Protein backbone atom coordinates (compact mmCIF):
# COMPACT_ATOMS: atom_id res chain seq x y z
CA MET A 1 29.53 5.09 -44.94
CA THR A 2 31.95 2.28 -44.33
CA PRO A 3 31.30 -0.64 -41.98
CA SER A 4 33.90 0.74 -39.53
CA THR A 5 32.01 4.07 -39.33
CA ILE A 6 28.76 2.25 -38.52
CA ARG A 7 30.45 0.30 -35.70
CA LEU A 8 31.66 3.53 -34.10
CA HIS A 9 28.13 4.94 -33.87
CA ARG A 10 26.47 1.81 -32.44
CA PRO A 11 27.89 2.08 -28.89
CA TRP A 12 26.42 5.59 -28.56
CA ARG A 13 23.07 4.33 -29.76
CA CYS A 14 23.11 1.66 -27.03
CA VAL A 15 24.03 4.26 -24.43
CA ARG A 16 21.16 6.50 -25.55
CA VAL A 17 18.66 3.62 -25.45
CA ALA A 18 19.88 2.62 -21.98
CA PHE A 19 19.62 6.22 -20.77
CA VAL A 20 16.04 6.56 -22.06
CA ALA A 21 15.10 3.23 -20.43
CA LEU A 22 16.62 4.39 -17.13
CA LEU A 23 14.66 7.64 -17.26
CA PHE A 24 11.47 5.66 -17.89
CA VAL A 25 12.09 3.36 -14.90
CA LEU A 26 12.91 6.29 -12.63
CA GLY A 27 9.80 8.10 -13.86
CA CYS A 28 7.58 5.13 -13.00
CA LYS A 29 9.09 4.81 -9.55
CA ASP A 30 8.67 8.52 -9.02
CA GLU A 31 4.89 8.24 -9.58
CA GLU A 32 4.57 5.60 -6.86
CA THR A 33 6.75 7.67 -4.55
CA LYS A 34 4.46 10.66 -5.09
CA ALA A 35 1.40 8.49 -4.38
CA ARG A 36 2.95 7.12 -1.15
CA GLU A 37 3.80 10.63 0.02
CA ARG A 38 0.25 11.78 -0.74
CA LEU A 39 -1.28 8.81 1.15
CA ALA A 40 1.10 8.84 4.13
CA GLY A 41 -0.68 9.38 7.42
CA ASP A 42 -2.87 7.76 10.06
CA TYR A 43 -6.18 6.11 9.19
CA VAL A 44 -8.66 4.98 11.83
CA VAL A 45 -11.75 2.82 12.17
CA GLU A 46 -13.74 2.46 15.40
CA ARG A 47 -16.33 -0.12 16.29
CA GLY A 48 -18.57 0.31 19.28
CA PHE A 49 -20.42 -2.24 21.33
CA PRO A 50 -22.24 -1.72 24.62
CA ASN A 51 -19.53 -1.00 27.20
CA PHE A 52 -16.78 -1.93 24.75
CA ARG A 53 -14.94 -0.06 21.94
CA VAL A 54 -12.35 -1.28 19.45
CA ARG A 55 -10.15 1.18 17.58
CA TYR A 56 -7.75 0.30 14.77
CA VAL A 57 -5.13 2.81 13.64
CA LEU A 58 -3.27 2.14 10.39
CA THR A 59 -0.20 4.27 9.71
CA LEU A 60 1.07 4.46 6.13
CA ARG A 61 4.61 5.79 5.84
CA PRO A 62 6.09 7.41 2.71
CA ASP A 63 8.88 4.81 2.55
CA GLY A 64 6.38 2.04 1.68
CA THR A 65 5.98 0.54 5.16
CA TRP A 66 2.87 0.42 7.35
CA PHE A 67 2.06 -0.15 11.01
CA ARG A 68 -1.28 -1.07 12.62
CA ILE A 69 -2.32 -1.21 16.25
CA ARG A 70 -5.60 -2.14 17.91
CA THR A 71 -6.75 -0.65 21.18
CA THR A 72 -9.79 -1.58 23.23
CA THR A 73 -11.73 0.34 25.87
CA PRO A 74 -11.79 -0.99 28.53
CA SER A 75 -8.43 -2.63 27.93
CA VAL A 76 -8.93 -6.38 27.85
CA ARG A 77 -5.44 -7.47 26.91
CA PRO A 78 -2.44 -5.87 25.25
CA SER A 79 -2.85 -5.80 21.48
CA GLU A 80 -0.22 -7.18 19.17
CA PRO A 81 0.86 -4.65 16.56
CA ASP A 82 1.10 -5.62 12.91
CA SER A 83 3.39 -4.15 10.27
CA GLY A 84 4.62 -4.72 6.76
CA THR A 85 5.14 -3.18 3.35
CA TYR A 86 2.76 -1.76 0.79
CA ARG A 87 2.63 -0.82 -2.89
CA VAL A 88 0.36 1.69 -4.57
CA VAL A 89 -1.10 0.61 -7.91
CA GLY A 90 -3.48 3.22 -9.30
CA VAL A 91 -6.15 3.68 -6.62
CA THR A 92 -5.37 0.39 -4.86
CA ILE A 93 -3.04 -0.19 -1.92
CA ASN A 94 -1.64 -3.73 -1.69
CA MET A 95 -0.36 -4.49 1.83
CA ARG A 96 1.74 -7.47 2.93
CA SER A 97 2.21 -8.22 6.60
CA LEU A 98 5.62 -9.14 7.97
CA VAL A 99 4.05 -10.35 11.23
CA VAL A 100 0.97 -12.30 10.09
CA PRO A 101 1.62 -14.08 6.78
CA GLY A 102 -1.26 -14.83 4.49
CA VAL A 103 -3.39 -13.15 1.85
CA PRO A 104 -2.29 -9.57 1.18
CA GLU A 105 -4.78 -6.92 2.23
CA ARG A 106 -6.04 -4.49 -0.38
CA TYR A 107 -7.65 -1.10 0.07
CA THR A 108 -9.22 1.18 -2.50
CA VAL A 109 -8.42 4.87 -2.00
CA VAL A 110 -11.24 7.42 -2.33
CA GLY A 111 -10.19 10.84 -1.07
CA ASP A 112 -9.26 10.50 2.61
CA THR A 113 -10.95 7.11 2.99
CA LEU A 114 -9.59 3.59 2.50
CA PHE A 115 -12.20 0.96 1.60
CA SER A 116 -11.37 -2.68 2.21
CA ALA A 117 -11.18 -4.58 -1.07
CA ASN A 118 -10.88 -8.00 0.62
CA ALA A 119 -14.45 -8.30 1.90
CA ALA A 120 -15.81 -10.11 -1.19
CA GLU A 121 -12.83 -12.51 -1.30
CA MET A 122 -13.20 -13.32 2.40
CA GLN A 123 -16.85 -14.19 1.91
CA VAL A 124 -16.00 -16.52 -0.99
CA PHE A 125 -13.25 -18.33 0.93
CA THR A 126 -14.72 -18.42 4.44
CA GLY A 127 -18.44 -17.95 3.88
CA THR A 128 -18.42 -15.11 6.41
CA ASP A 129 -19.48 -11.61 5.43
CA ILE A 130 -17.04 -9.31 7.23
CA GLY A 131 -18.62 -6.19 5.76
CA GLU A 132 -16.79 -3.38 4.13
CA GLU A 133 -14.27 -1.77 6.42
CA ARG A 134 -13.66 1.96 6.01
CA LEU A 135 -10.63 3.70 7.44
CA VAL A 136 -10.76 7.48 7.57
CA ARG A 137 -7.66 9.67 7.65
CA ILE A 138 -6.92 11.55 10.86
CA ARG A 139 -5.97 15.14 10.07
């Protein structure tokens, strides 16, 4: 093989490596897309007090955005909706709000239930035990 023959084959090698890298990146993105489609839906948590109920509904959309609204019974004041983007990493959902900046919220997925993963961190930073919030999927 002459040096000129080797130079002719190198561009194709680079193209093959780039193609394999592109397939890998698309494959990784495809896994998160599948997870978002599987998790898409409405999740709810209700808290009851005497003569007063609070209901939170979190909607996860397959495009990686979320929306949350709080309603109270009886209606005290109009609630302000919250929304943002989320990423799925394994069994964890990392949510960032576009309305209320701050620490991202994290949820652990177990079947049709989302468990708040921020409760321990909140207690460390604020000293307040907020308890573990569970949101259950509405089917």
